[in-house]
Amino acid sequence: MKRIMVVDNEPDIVDLTRTVLEIGGYQVVPAYSGEECLEKIKEEPVDLILLDIMMPGMSGWDVFNRIKQQHIDTKVAFMSVLEISEKRKQVLLDEGLSDYIMKPYDKDTLLDKVDSILK
């Protein structure tokens, strides 16, 4: 069973995303901050990290950069309400990001994107 870490400072979003992913057949590891994410991935390897960008303290951007610096071989997708241009998205993909998922998302969109990333 594939393991996905959901990182968001809003517990309701973590819970909702967790429910959708578990229905889709995934095991979910919750994290509520960038710092918690980085600590947990040292001890609990995951196949994918769904990472909110705007979090207090360490932002999703910072977490993504730390993951790259530490050469952690885990796929990362941003989840955000912030729209970005296709050009910026392509730059992120070239830097190793797996996808950029716009919030709010529906169940089918989320599962389709996660399934696609983990193929």
C-alpha atoms as a PDB file:
ATOM      1  CA  MET A   1       0.000   0.000   0.000  1.00  0.00           C
ATOM      2  CA  LYS A   2       1.409   3.400  -0.999  1.00  0.00           C
ATOM      3  CA  ARG A   3       1.999   5.867   1.829  1.00  0.00           C
ATOM      4  CA  ILE A   4       1.223   9.550   1.480  1.00  0.00           C
ATOM      5  CA  MET A   5       2.094  12.315   3.921  1.00  0.00           C
ATOM      6  CA  VAL A   6      -0.416  15.175   4.005  1.00  0.00           C
ATOM      7  CA  VAL A   7       1.136  18.385   5.347  1.00  0.00           C
ATOM      8  CA  ASP A   8      -1.121  21.319   6.184  1.00  0.00           C
ATOM      9  CA  ASN A   9      -1.440  23.553   9.223  1.00  0.00           C
ATOM     10  CA  GLU A  10      -5.242  23.304   9.029  1.00  0.00           C
ATOM     11  CA  PRO A  11      -6.375  20.052  10.708  1.00  0.00           C
ATOM     12  CA  ASP A  12      -9.689  20.039   8.801  1.00  0.00           C
ATOM     13  CA  ILE A  13      -7.861  19.960   5.473  1.00  0.00           C
ATOM     14  CA  VAL A  14      -5.558  17.181   6.679  1.00  0.00           C
ATOM     15  CA  ASP A  15      -8.564  15.171   7.904  1.00  0.00           C
ATOM     16  CA  LEU A  16     -10.582  15.671   4.703  1.00  0.00           C
ATOM     17  CA  THR A  17      -7.626  14.834   2.470  1.00  0.00           C
ATOM     18  CA  ARG A  18      -6.807  11.808   4.612  1.00  0.00           C
ATOM     19  CA  THR A  19     -10.367  10.497   4.307  1.00  0.00           C
ATOM     20  CA  VAL A  20     -10.361  10.862   0.517  1.00  0.00           C
ATOM     21  CA  LEU A  21      -6.967   9.180   0.160  1.00  0.00           C
ATOM     22  CA  GLU A  22      -7.876   6.307   2.475  1.00  0.00           C
ATOM     23  CA  ILE A  23     -11.047   5.690   0.444  1.00  0.00           C
ATOM     24  CA  GLY A  24      -8.743   5.598  -2.582  1.00  0.00           C
ATOM     25  CA  GLY A  25      -6.677   2.832  -0.987  1.00  0.00           C
ATOM     26  CA  TYR A  26      -3.734   4.837   0.350  1.00  0.00           C
ATOM     27  CA  GLN A  27      -2.178   4.878   3.806  1.00  0.00           C
ATOM     28  CA  VAL A  28      -1.885   8.432   5.154  1.00  0.00           C
ATOM     29  CA  VAL A  29       0.655   9.988   7.505  1.00  0.00           C
ATOM     30  CA  PRO A  30      -0.551  13.388   8.774  1.00  0.00           C
ATOM     31  CA  ALA A  31       1.736  16.320   9.549  1.00  0.00           C
ATOM     32  CA  TYR A  32       0.639  19.770  10.678  1.00  0.00           C
ATOM     33  CA  SER A  33       3.777  21.826   9.993  1.00  0.00           C
ATOM     34  CA  GLY A  34       6.839  21.867   7.793  1.00  0.00           C
ATOM     35  CA  GLU A  35       9.018  21.004  10.737  1.00  0.00           C
ATOM     36  CA  GLU A  36       6.870  17.993  11.629  1.00  0.00           C
ATOM     37  CA  CYS A  37       7.007  16.827   8.019  1.00  0.00           C
ATOM     38  CA  LEU A  38      10.808  16.893   7.957  1.00  0.00           C
ATOM     39  CA  GLU A  39      11.023  15.036  11.276  1.00  0.00           C
ATOM     40  CA  LYS A  40       8.530  12.347  10.238  1.00  0.00           C
ATOM     41  CA  ILE A  41      10.077  11.575   6.855  1.00  0.00           C
ATOM     42  CA  LYS A  42      13.310  10.645   8.609  1.00  0.00           C
ATOM     43  CA  GLU A  43      11.496   7.829  10.433  1.00  0.00           C
ATOM     44  CA  GLU A  44       8.469   7.095   8.249  1.00  0.00           C
ATOM     45  CA  PRO A  45       9.348   6.843   4.558  1.00  0.00           C
ATOM     46  CA  VAL A  46       6.481   7.815   2.267  1.00  0.00           C
ATOM     47  CA  ASP A  47       5.883   7.572  -1.482  1.00  0.00           C
ATOM     48  CA  LEU A  48       4.416  11.066  -1.834  1.00  0.00           C
ATOM     49  CA  ILE A  49       4.178  14.263   0.193  1.00  0.00           C
ATOM     50  CA  LEU A  50       1.167  16.515  -0.421  1.00  0.00           C
ATOM     51  CA  LEU A  51       2.436  19.833   0.850  1.00  0.00           C
ATOM     52  CA  ASP A  52       0.568  23.060   1.549  1.00  0.00           C
ATOM     53  CA  ILE A  53       2.588  26.098   0.494  1.00  0.00           C
ATOM     54  CA  MET A  54       1.314  28.712   2.925  1.00  0.00           C
ATOM     55  CA  MET A  55       2.003  27.583   6.470  1.00  0.00           C
ATOM     56  CA  PRO A  56       3.245  29.562   9.464  1.00  0.00           C
ATOM     57  CA  GLY A  57       6.874  29.028  10.372  1.00  0.00           C
ATOM     58  CA  MET A  58       8.393  26.894   7.655  1.00  0.00           C
ATOM     59  CA  SER A  59       6.527  27.324   4.361  1.00  0.00           C
ATOM     60  CA  GLY A  60       5.936  24.569   1.869  1.00  0.00           C
ATOM     61  CA  TRP A  61       8.548  26.168  -0.387  1.00  0.00           C
ATOM     62  CA  ASP A  62      11.110  25.870   2.429  1.00  0.00           C
ATOM     63  CA  VAL A  63      10.169  22.244   3.095  1.00  0.00           C
ATOM     64  CA  PHE A  64      10.445  21.359  -0.600  1.00  0.00           C
ATOM     65  CA  ASN A  65      13.891  22.943  -0.783  1.00  0.00           C
ATOM     66  CA  ARG A  66      15.059  21.085   2.353  1.00  0.00           C
ATOM     67  CA  ILE A  67      13.826  17.794   0.911  1.00  0.00           C
ATOM     68  CA  LYS A  68      15.805  18.457  -2.273  1.00  0.00           C
ATOM     69  CA  GLN A  69      18.916  19.503  -0.315  1.00  0.00           C
ATOM     70  CA  GLN A  70      18.773  16.350   1.792  1.00  0.00           C
ATOM     71  CA  HIS A  71      18.365  14.200  -1.348  1.00  0.00           C
ATOM     72  CA  ILE A  72      15.280  12.545   0.065  1.00  0.00           C
ATOM     73  CA  ASP A  73      13.845  10.369  -2.700  1.00  0.00           C
ATOM     74  CA  THR A  74      10.176  11.162  -2.173  1.00  0.00           C
ATOM     75  CA  LYS A  75       7.776  12.694  -4.643  1.00  0.00           C
ATOM     76  CA  VAL A  76       6.321  16.060  -3.615  1.00  0.00           C
ATOM     77  CA  ALA A  77       3.204  17.843  -4.855  1.00  0.00           C
ATOM     78  CA  PHE A  78       2.119  21.283  -3.707  1.00  0.00           C
ATOM     79  CA  MET A  79      -1.486  21.921  -2.659  1.00  0.00           C
ATOM     80  CA  SER A  80      -2.449  25.567  -2.692  1.00  0.00           C
ATOM     81  CA  VAL A  81      -5.142  28.168  -3.205  1.00  0.00           C
ATOM     82  CA  LEU A  82      -2.509  30.281  -4.988  1.00  0.00           C
ATOM     83  CA  GLU A  83      -2.768  30.178  -8.741  1.00  0.00           C
ATOM     84  CA  ILE A  84       0.503  30.049 -10.603  1.00  0.00           C
ATOM     85  CA  SER A  85       1.314  30.502 -14.257  1.00  0.00           C
ATOM     86  CA  GLU A  86       2.047  27.534 -16.476  1.00  0.00           C
ATOM     87  CA  LYS A  87       5.580  28.919 -16.871  1.00  0.00           C
ATOM     88  CA  ARG A  88       6.136  28.916 -13.078  1.00  0.00           C
ATOM     89  CA  LYS A  89       4.586  25.462 -12.790  1.00  0.00           C
ATOM     90  CA  GLN A  90       6.993  24.183 -15.449  1.00  0.00           C
ATOM     91  CA  VAL A  91       9.957  25.649 -13.537  1.00  0.00           C
ATOM     92  CA  LEU A  92       8.792  23.819 -10.394  1.00  0.00           C
ATOM     93  CA  LEU A  93       8.349  20.573 -12.310  1.00  0.00           C
ATOM     94  CA  ASP A  94      11.856  20.981 -13.742  1.00  0.00           C
ATOM     95  CA  GLU A  95      13.123  21.439 -10.154  1.00  0.00           C
ATOM     96  CA  GLY A  96      11.611  18.111  -9.126  1.00  0.00           C
ATOM     97  CA  LEU A  97       8.052  18.915  -8.062  1.00  0.00           C
ATOM     98  CA  SER A  98       5.637  16.143  -9.085  1.00  0.00           C
ATOM     99  CA  ASP A  99       2.490  18.273  -9.464  1.00  0.00           C
ATOM    100  CA  TYR A 100       0.667  21.400  -8.333  1.00  0.00           C
ATOM    101  CA  ILE A 101      -2.847  20.758  -7.016  1.00  0.00           C
ATOM    102  CA  MET A 102      -5.202  23.722  -6.703  1.00  0.00           C
ATOM    103  CA  LYS A 103      -7.423  23.989  -3.619  1.00  0.00           C
ATOM    104  CA  PRO A 104     -10.266  23.487  -3.267  1.00  0.00           C
ATOM    105  CA  TYR A 105     -10.198  20.165  -5.083  1.00  0.00           C
ATOM    106  CA  ASP A 106     -12.858  17.510  -5.406  1.00  0.00           C
ATOM    107  CA  LYS A 107     -12.371  13.874  -4.471  1.00  0.00           C
ATOM    108  CA  ASP A 108     -11.997  12.603  -8.028  1.00  0.00           C
ATOM    109  CA  THR A 109      -9.490  15.290  -9.049  1.00  0.00           C
ATOM    110  CA  LEU A 110      -7.321  14.604  -6.009  1.00  0.00           C
ATOM    111  CA  LEU A 111      -7.337  10.835  -6.498  1.00  0.00           C
ATOM    112  CA  ASP A 112      -6.666  11.163 -10.257  1.00  0.00           C
ATOM    113  CA  LYS A 113      -3.659  13.402  -9.626  1.00  0.00           C
ATOM    114  CA  VAL A 114      -2.273  11.184  -6.845  1.00  0.00           C
ATOM    115  CA  ASP A 115      -2.791   8.029  -8.946  1.00  0.00           C
ATOM    116  CA  SER A 116      -0.996   9.709 -11.847  1.00  0.00           C
ATOM    117  CA  ILE A 117       1.957  10.820  -9.705  1.00  0.00           C
ATOM    118  CA  LEU A 118       2.395   7.364  -8.156  1.00  0.00           C
ATOM    119  CA  LYS A 119       2.166   5.310 -11.371  1.00  0.00           C
END
